[in-house]
Protein backbone atom coordinates (compact mmCIF):
# COMPACT_ATOMS: atom_id res chain seq x y z
CA MET A 1 -152.28 237.02 69.67
CA GLY A 2 -151.02 239.47 67.12
CA ASN A 3 -151.02 238.00 63.45
CA GLN A 4 -150.35 234.40 64.68
CA ARG A 5 -152.52 231.54 63.21
CA LEU A 6 -155.24 230.46 65.85
CA ILE A 7 -156.11 227.25 64.30
CA GLY A 8 -155.22 225.45 61.16
CA GLU A 9 -155.58 221.86 59.90
CA LEU A 10 -153.10 220.35 62.37
CA GLU A 11 -154.76 222.09 65.35
CA ALA A 12 -158.17 220.76 64.18
CA GLN A 13 -156.86 217.32 63.81
CA MET A 14 -155.67 217.45 67.30
CA LEU A 15 -158.98 218.60 68.68
CA ARG A 16 -160.80 216.11 66.47
CA SER A 17 -158.40 213.15 67.73
CA ILE A 18 -158.92 214.17 71.39
CA TYR A 19 -162.68 214.07 70.77
CA GLN A 20 -162.40 210.54 69.27
CA THR A 21 -159.94 209.04 71.80
CA GLY A 22 -160.82 211.04 75.05
CA SER A 23 -157.21 211.05 75.71
CA TYR A 24 -154.17 213.49 75.38
CA SER A 25 -151.76 210.50 75.03
CA GLU A 26 -153.82 208.76 72.55
CA ALA A 27 -154.43 211.51 70.55
CA ALA A 28 -150.80 212.37 70.49
CA ARG A 29 -150.03 208.70 69.52
CA THR A 30 -152.75 208.73 66.73
CA LEU A 31 -151.21 211.76 65.14
CA SER A 32 -147.58 210.59 65.75
CA LEU A 33 -147.02 213.73 67.96
CA SER A 34 -145.08 214.15 71.20
CA TYR A 35 -147.54 214.56 74.16
CA ALA A 36 -145.75 217.86 75.24
CA PHE A 37 -146.24 219.30 71.61
CA LEU A 38 -149.78 218.49 71.46
CA TRP A 39 -150.60 219.83 75.06
CA ASN A 40 -148.71 223.00 74.47
CA LYS A 41 -150.72 223.64 71.22
CA ILE A 42 -154.09 223.29 72.89
CA ALA A 43 -152.79 225.60 75.77
CA GLN A 44 -151.76 228.15 73.18
CA ILE A 45 -155.18 228.17 71.78
CA GLU A 46 -156.77 228.48 75.20
CA ARG A 47 -154.62 231.36 76.08
CA SER A 48 -155.45 233.17 72.91
CA LEU A 49 -159.18 232.81 73.35
CA GLY A 50 -159.35 233.10 77.06
CA ARG A 51 -161.38 229.98 77.02
CA LYS A 52 -160.96 226.33 78.03
CA MET A 53 -160.92 224.08 75.08
CA VAL A 54 -160.21 220.87 76.67
CA TYR A 55 -161.27 219.39 80.10
CA SER A 56 -158.88 216.76 81.42
CA GLU A 57 -158.10 214.62 84.43
CA ARG A 58 -154.72 213.18 85.26
CA GLY A 59 -154.29 209.38 85.20
CA GLY A 60 -154.88 206.78 87.88
CA ALA A 61 -155.85 203.39 88.01
CA LYS A 62 -157.85 203.62 84.98
CA GLY A 63 -155.57 206.18 83.07
CA GLY A 64 -156.45 209.87 82.56
CA ARG A 65 -159.07 211.19 80.29
CA ALA A 66 -159.62 214.24 78.10
CA GLU A 67 -162.64 215.86 76.41
CA LEU A 68 -163.79 218.63 74.43
CA THR A 69 -165.58 221.54 76.20
CA ASN A 70 -168.61 223.10 74.56
CA GLN A 71 -166.23 225.94 73.36
CA GLY A 72 -163.79 223.31 72.01
CA LYS A 73 -166.39 221.48 70.12
CA GLN A 74 -167.90 224.71 68.78
CA LEU A 75 -164.27 225.83 67.77
CA LEU A 76 -163.79 222.70 65.70
CA GLN A 77 -167.24 222.85 64.09
CA ASP A 78 -166.58 226.44 63.12
CA TYR A 79 -163.21 225.53 61.50
CA VAL A 80 -164.77 222.45 59.67
CA GLU A 81 -167.65 224.66 58.32
CA LEU A 82 -164.88 227.43 57.39
CA ASP A 83 -162.80 224.78 55.71
CA SER A 84 -165.55 223.38 53.57
CA ARG A 85 -166.38 226.95 52.40
CA VAL A 86 -162.68 227.66 51.45
CA HIS A 87 -162.71 224.36 49.43
CA ARG A 88 -165.93 225.18 47.85
CA PHE A 89 -164.83 228.59 46.80
CA ILE A 90 -161.34 227.26 45.61
CA THR A 91 -163.03 224.70 43.35
CA GLN A 92 -165.75 226.70 41.56
CA PRO A 93 -165.44 229.71 39.33
CA HIS A 94 -166.01 233.04 40.68
CA SER A 95 -166.78 236.63 39.43
CA SER A 96 -163.68 238.96 39.08
CA GLN A 97 -162.54 242.18 38.02
CA THR A 98 -158.92 243.08 37.18
CA TYR A 99 -156.99 246.19 36.39
CA GLY A 100 -153.47 246.27 35.07
CA SER A 101 -151.42 244.06 32.82
CA PRO A 102 -151.20 240.32 33.31
CA ALA A 103 -147.83 240.53 34.66
CA ASP A 104 -148.63 243.27 37.05
CA LEU A 105 -151.58 241.29 38.51
CA VAL A 106 -149.55 238.44 39.76
CA ARG A 107 -149.27 240.83 42.76
CA PRO A 108 -151.67 243.77 42.31
CA ASN A 109 -151.30 246.82 44.54
CA LEU A 110 -154.67 246.19 46.09
CA SER A 111 -156.59 243.01 46.35
CA PHE A 112 -160.30 242.88 47.48
CA MET A 113 -162.23 239.67 48.18
CA GLY A 114 -165.88 239.20 49.66
CA SER A 115 -169.28 240.10 48.85
CA HIS A 116 -170.34 241.61 45.55
CA CYS A 117 -171.32 245.33 45.81
CA ILE A 118 -171.57 248.13 43.19
CA VAL A 119 -170.41 250.71 45.59
CA VAL A 120 -167.08 248.79 45.96
CA GLU A 121 -166.80 248.82 42.19
CA LYS A 122 -167.44 252.67 42.08
CA LEU A 123 -164.85 253.09 44.85
CA PHE A 124 -162.06 251.15 42.94
CA ARG A 125 -162.92 253.41 39.83
CA SER A 126 -162.52 256.42 41.73
CA LEU A 127 -159.27 255.09 43.36
CA HIS A 128 -157.89 254.19 39.82
CA SER A 129 -158.82 257.69 38.44
CA THR A 130 -156.75 259.31 40.81
CA ASN A 131 -153.94 256.76 40.62
CA PRO A 132 -153.92 255.59 36.84
CA LYS A 133 -150.86 253.17 37.51
CA ILE A 134 -152.60 251.40 40.30
CA THR A 135 -153.37 247.70 39.83
CA TYR A 136 -156.06 245.99 41.74
CA GLN A 137 -158.28 242.80 41.84
CA ILE A 138 -161.72 242.44 42.84
CA LEU A 139 -162.81 238.76 43.59
CA ASN A 140 -166.62 238.49 44.38
CA VAL A 141 -166.55 235.35 46.07
CA GLY A 142 -169.13 236.09 49.27
CA SER A 143 -168.69 237.29 52.74
CA TRP A 144 -167.48 233.99 54.38
CA ALA A 145 -164.57 233.48 51.68
CA GLY A 146 -163.80 237.05 52.08
CA LEU A 147 -163.31 236.51 55.73
CA THR A 148 -161.28 233.45 54.97
CA ALA A 149 -159.08 235.34 52.81
CA MET A 150 -158.20 237.95 55.30
CA MET A 151 -157.24 235.12 57.81
CA LEU A 152 -155.07 233.66 55.22
CA ARG A 153 -153.52 237.09 54.24
CA GLN A 154 -154.87 236.51 50.64
CA ALA A 155 -156.35 240.20 50.54
CA ASP A 156 -155.92 243.54 51.76
CA ILE A 157 -159.70 244.36 52.15
CA ALA A 158 -162.69 241.93 52.68
CA GLY A 159 -166.39 243.11 52.03
CA ILE A 160 -168.73 241.25 54.48
CA HIS A 161 -172.33 241.42 55.61
CA ILE A 162 -172.68 238.36 57.81
CA PHE A 163 -175.89 238.31 60.01
CA ASP A 164 -175.60 236.71 63.27
CA GLU A 165 -179.01 235.08 64.11
CA ASN A 166 -178.11 234.87 67.86
CA ALA A 167 -176.94 238.31 68.46
CA SER A 168 -179.18 239.80 65.89
CA THR A 169 -176.23 241.85 64.64
CA TYR A 170 -174.16 242.08 61.20
CA ASN A 171 -170.42 241.46 61.24
CA GLN A 172 -168.87 242.51 64.64
CA SER A 173 -169.53 238.98 66.27
CA VAL A 174 -167.41 237.12 63.55
CA LEU A 175 -164.21 238.94 64.72
CA ALA A 176 -164.64 237.48 68.18
CA LYS A 177 -165.88 234.08 67.03
CA PHE A 178 -162.79 233.43 64.96
CA GLY A 179 -160.27 235.05 67.18
CA LEU A 180 -159.56 238.08 64.92
CA SER A 181 -160.27 240.84 67.42
CA ARG A 182 -156.61 241.54 68.01
CA SER A 183 -155.18 241.25 64.55
CA HIS A 184 -157.98 242.71 62.49
CA ALA A 185 -160.40 245.46 62.63
CA LEU A 186 -163.78 246.39 61.11
CA ILE A 187 -164.41 249.62 59.14
CA ARG A 188 -168.08 250.65 58.96
CA GLY A 189 -169.31 250.64 55.41
CA TYR A 190 -173.09 251.55 54.75
CA LYS A 191 -176.41 250.15 54.74
CA ARG A 192 -177.81 248.29 51.91
CA GLN A 193 -181.40 247.25 50.99
CA GLN A 194 -181.95 243.76 49.87
CA CYS A 195 -184.93 242.97 48.03
CA LEU A 196 -186.99 240.42 46.09
CA MET A 197 -186.14 241.04 42.46
CA VAL A 198 -188.96 240.33 39.85
CA ARG A 199 -189.50 241.22 36.36
CA LYS A 200 -191.47 244.31 35.29
CA GLY A 201 -195.00 244.29 36.55
CA ASN A 202 -194.18 241.65 38.76
CA PRO A 203 -196.21 239.03 36.58
CA LYS A 204 -196.07 236.18 39.25
CA LYS A 205 -197.30 238.62 42.04
CA ILE A 206 -194.34 237.67 44.38
CA ARG A 207 -194.65 239.60 47.55
CA GLY A 208 -192.86 237.73 50.40
CA VAL A 209 -190.65 234.56 51.21
CA ASP A 210 -193.65 232.37 51.49
CA ASP A 211 -194.32 232.82 47.72
CA LEU A 212 -191.14 231.01 47.19
CA LEU A 213 -193.12 227.75 47.84
CA ARG A 214 -195.36 228.08 44.99
CA LYS A 215 -195.12 225.67 42.31
CA ASP A 216 -194.97 228.21 39.61
CA VAL A 217 -192.38 230.21 41.21
CA LYS A 218 -188.70 229.47 40.45
CA LEU A 219 -185.82 231.06 42.49
CA ALA A 220 -182.25 232.19 41.53
CA ASN A 221 -180.33 231.69 44.85
CA ARG A 222 -177.10 232.86 45.86
CA ASN A 223 -174.04 230.92 46.75
CA LEU A 224 -173.28 229.33 50.02
CA GLY A 225 -171.11 231.62 52.24
CA SER A 226 -172.70 234.67 50.76
CA GLY A 227 -174.32 237.10 53.37
CA THR A 228 -177.44 237.28 50.99
CA ARG A 229 -177.69 233.28 51.27
CA ILE A 230 -177.32 233.55 54.99
CA LEU A 231 -179.90 236.18 55.07
CA LEU A 232 -182.68 234.31 53.09
CA ASP A 233 -181.93 230.88 55.09
CA SER A 234 -182.40 232.86 58.28
CA ARG A 235 -185.94 234.16 56.83
CA LEU A 236 -186.62 230.47 55.78
CA HIS A 237 -185.87 229.08 59.08
CA ASP A 238 -188.33 231.35 60.66
CA LEU A 239 -190.96 230.28 58.04
CA ALA A 240 -190.31 226.75 58.71
CA ARG A 241 -190.83 227.12 62.40
CA THR A 242 -194.06 228.98 61.73
CA MET A 243 -195.07 226.11 59.61
CA GLY A 244 -194.01 223.24 62.09
CA ILE A 245 -191.73 221.66 59.54
CA ASP A 246 -188.08 221.26 59.46
CA PHE A 247 -185.73 223.52 57.19
CA GLU A 248 -184.70 220.88 54.65
CA ALA A 249 -188.23 219.96 54.16
CA LEU A 250 -189.22 223.43 53.43
CA THR A 251 -186.20 224.11 51.10
CA ARG A 252 -186.96 220.92 49.07
CA ARG A 253 -190.34 222.45 48.05
CA ILE A 254 -188.56 225.69 46.73
CA ARG A 255 -187.67 225.56 43.03
CA GLY A 256 -184.21 226.73 42.51
CA TYR A 257 -183.16 226.70 46.06
CA ASP A 258 -180.01 224.67 45.17
CA SER A 259 -178.77 227.11 42.31
CA GLU A 260 -175.77 229.14 43.24
CA MET A 261 -174.89 232.46 41.73
CA MET A 262 -171.82 234.33 42.75
CA THR A 263 -173.07 238.11 42.40
CA HIS A 264 -176.16 240.10 42.53
CA ARG A 265 -175.94 240.82 38.79
CA GLN A 266 -176.00 236.91 37.91
CA VAL A 267 -179.28 236.85 39.97
CA ALA A 268 -180.77 239.72 38.36
CA SER A 269 -179.76 238.42 34.75
CA ALA A 270 -181.41 235.04 35.59
CA VAL A 271 -184.50 237.00 36.63
CA SER A 272 -184.32 239.30 33.63
CA SER A 273 -183.90 236.39 31.01
CA ARG A 274 -186.76 234.51 32.48
CA ARG A 275 -184.60 231.47 33.85
CA ALA A 276 -186.10 232.51 37.16
CA ASP A 277 -189.05 234.39 38.50
CA VAL A 278 -187.37 235.68 41.77
CA GLY A 279 -184.13 236.27 43.31
CA ILE A 280 -182.76 238.02 46.57
CA GLY A 281 -180.49 240.66 45.79
CA LEU A 282 -179.58 244.56 46.04
CA THR A 283 -182.06 246.93 45.35
CA SER A 284 -179.26 249.01 43.66
CA VAL A 285 -178.53 246.04 41.26
CA ALA A 286 -182.27 245.49 40.50
CA ALA A 287 -182.69 249.18 39.48
CA GLU A 288 -179.54 249.06 37.34
CA MET A 289 -180.93 245.95 35.62
CA LYS A 290 -184.46 247.73 35.17
CA LEU A 291 -186.12 245.10 37.30
CA ASP A 292 -189.11 245.78 39.66
CA PHE A 293 -188.45 244.82 43.34
CA ASN A 294 -190.12 244.36 46.81
CA PRO A 295 -187.90 245.41 49.85
CA PHE A 296 -186.99 242.28 51.77
CA ALA A 297 -184.31 243.54 54.47
CA GLU A 298 -181.76 246.35 55.43
CA GLU A 299 -178.18 245.26 56.14
CA LEU A 300 -174.95 246.40 57.18
CA TYR A 301 -172.07 245.99 54.59
CA ASP A 302 -168.52 246.64 56.28
CA PHE A 303 -164.98 246.20 55.44
CA LEU A 304 -162.40 243.73 57.22
CA VAL A 305 -158.85 245.07 57.17
CA GLU A 306 -155.58 244.12 59.33
CA LYS A 307 -155.20 246.45 62.19
CA ARG A 308 -151.73 247.24 60.93
CA MET A 309 -152.92 248.61 57.69
CA ARG A 310 -149.46 248.64 55.83
CA ASN A 311 -150.99 249.05 52.30
CA PRO A 312 -151.27 252.86 51.48
CA TYR A 313 -153.66 252.10 48.85
CA ALA A 314 -156.06 250.49 51.33
CA GLN A 315 -155.89 253.56 53.42
CA GLU A 316 -156.66 255.72 50.44
CA PHE A 317 -159.58 253.52 49.62
CA PHE A 318 -161.24 254.28 52.76
CA ASN A 319 -160.47 257.91 52.59
CA ILE A 320 -162.47 258.02 49.18
CA LEU A 321 -165.21 256.15 50.92
CA LYS A 322 -165.74 258.63 53.79
CA SER A 323 -165.41 261.68 51.49
CA GLU A 324 -168.30 263.85 51.04
CA GLU A 325 -167.55 264.00 47.17
CA PHE A 326 -167.79 260.04 46.76
CA GLN A 327 -171.01 259.82 48.98
CA ASN A 328 -172.71 262.67 46.96
CA LYS A 329 -172.03 260.51 43.81
CA ILE A 330 -173.70 257.47 45.22
CA ARG A 331 -176.72 259.17 46.77
CA ALA A 332 -178.78 258.63 43.59
CA VAL A 333 -178.07 254.90 43.76
CA PRO A 334 -181.35 253.12 45.36
CA GLY A 335 -181.03 251.44 48.46
CA ILE A 336 -177.49 252.68 49.70
CA LYS A 337 -177.50 254.68 52.89
CA PHE A 338 -174.21 256.21 54.52
CA SER A 339 -173.82 257.26 58.11
CA ARG A 340 -171.39 259.42 60.00
CA GLN A 341 -169.31 256.32 60.81
CA THR A 342 -168.71 255.46 57.09
CA GLY A 343 -165.06 254.79 56.46
CA ARG A 344 -164.16 254.96 60.28
CA LEU A 345 -163.07 252.09 62.58
CA VAL A 346 -166.05 250.43 64.58
CA SER A 347 -164.17 247.36 66.26
């Protein structure tokens, strides 16, 4: 597949039209495309993924028919969800850090998009200290938007921590799910501890996710598409099943569930300023902001890059990450654990 696009708006329209009309020819007519062009595009997707997207039968007395396979329906659903996330992140403000003159930053030397992490901030400071003329940009937009930015070639590095509930793993399954295994690589980052951030002394005595249902507790929630939001929703789904109610009914009982904050610091600030009683976020940020915390989960934070890493500054970024000197500086940061694989290719 190389670096070619797997599915975009046109391909999604093709799949959607086949689903709606039940016919290749009707789908082509609806979209004002030739039958051959549409058929070849679908075949190209199927070859790239090694899976059948459309089941079809040739015409007879009743004419031919075509319908999406389960894999085809899943691909269309995944695209729609991803496209929705992209729109959300484009139309709402996000947290960013830039280094260099405004003119330089039209095309920074190194662009990072993805989940907010203070280790990433320290990595860029170390990179800048050894290369004072480098310009870079950090956009804290969440894991899914970081993944999308890599698909659209809008970033050099994406930081992600996406939990796959079915596989019970972090990050690796998304490459196969979105057809990125041949064009992109996953570089191991580190383990991070997520926690329930509360004010000093934990005045509301918040201990677990079930306390979010209390009427006297208000949550500062993360944005849709962030790995932290995915993690919380996974725990809330488990709680809903235990209670025998549906997920939406449960979240309606949580004050502040619909709030969306783009970074862990914004969550911590909301708790510190008493605009919220609790937030899910990094232990490292809770400690930085002088909040108390209860451990919630341990996760893997990794980096997504193109396999052909043509940007020399990206390679230097990872050289710093895996260096003993840098890791020793970070060891004092609570809730961060490096491994022998840190900074190395894992997929």
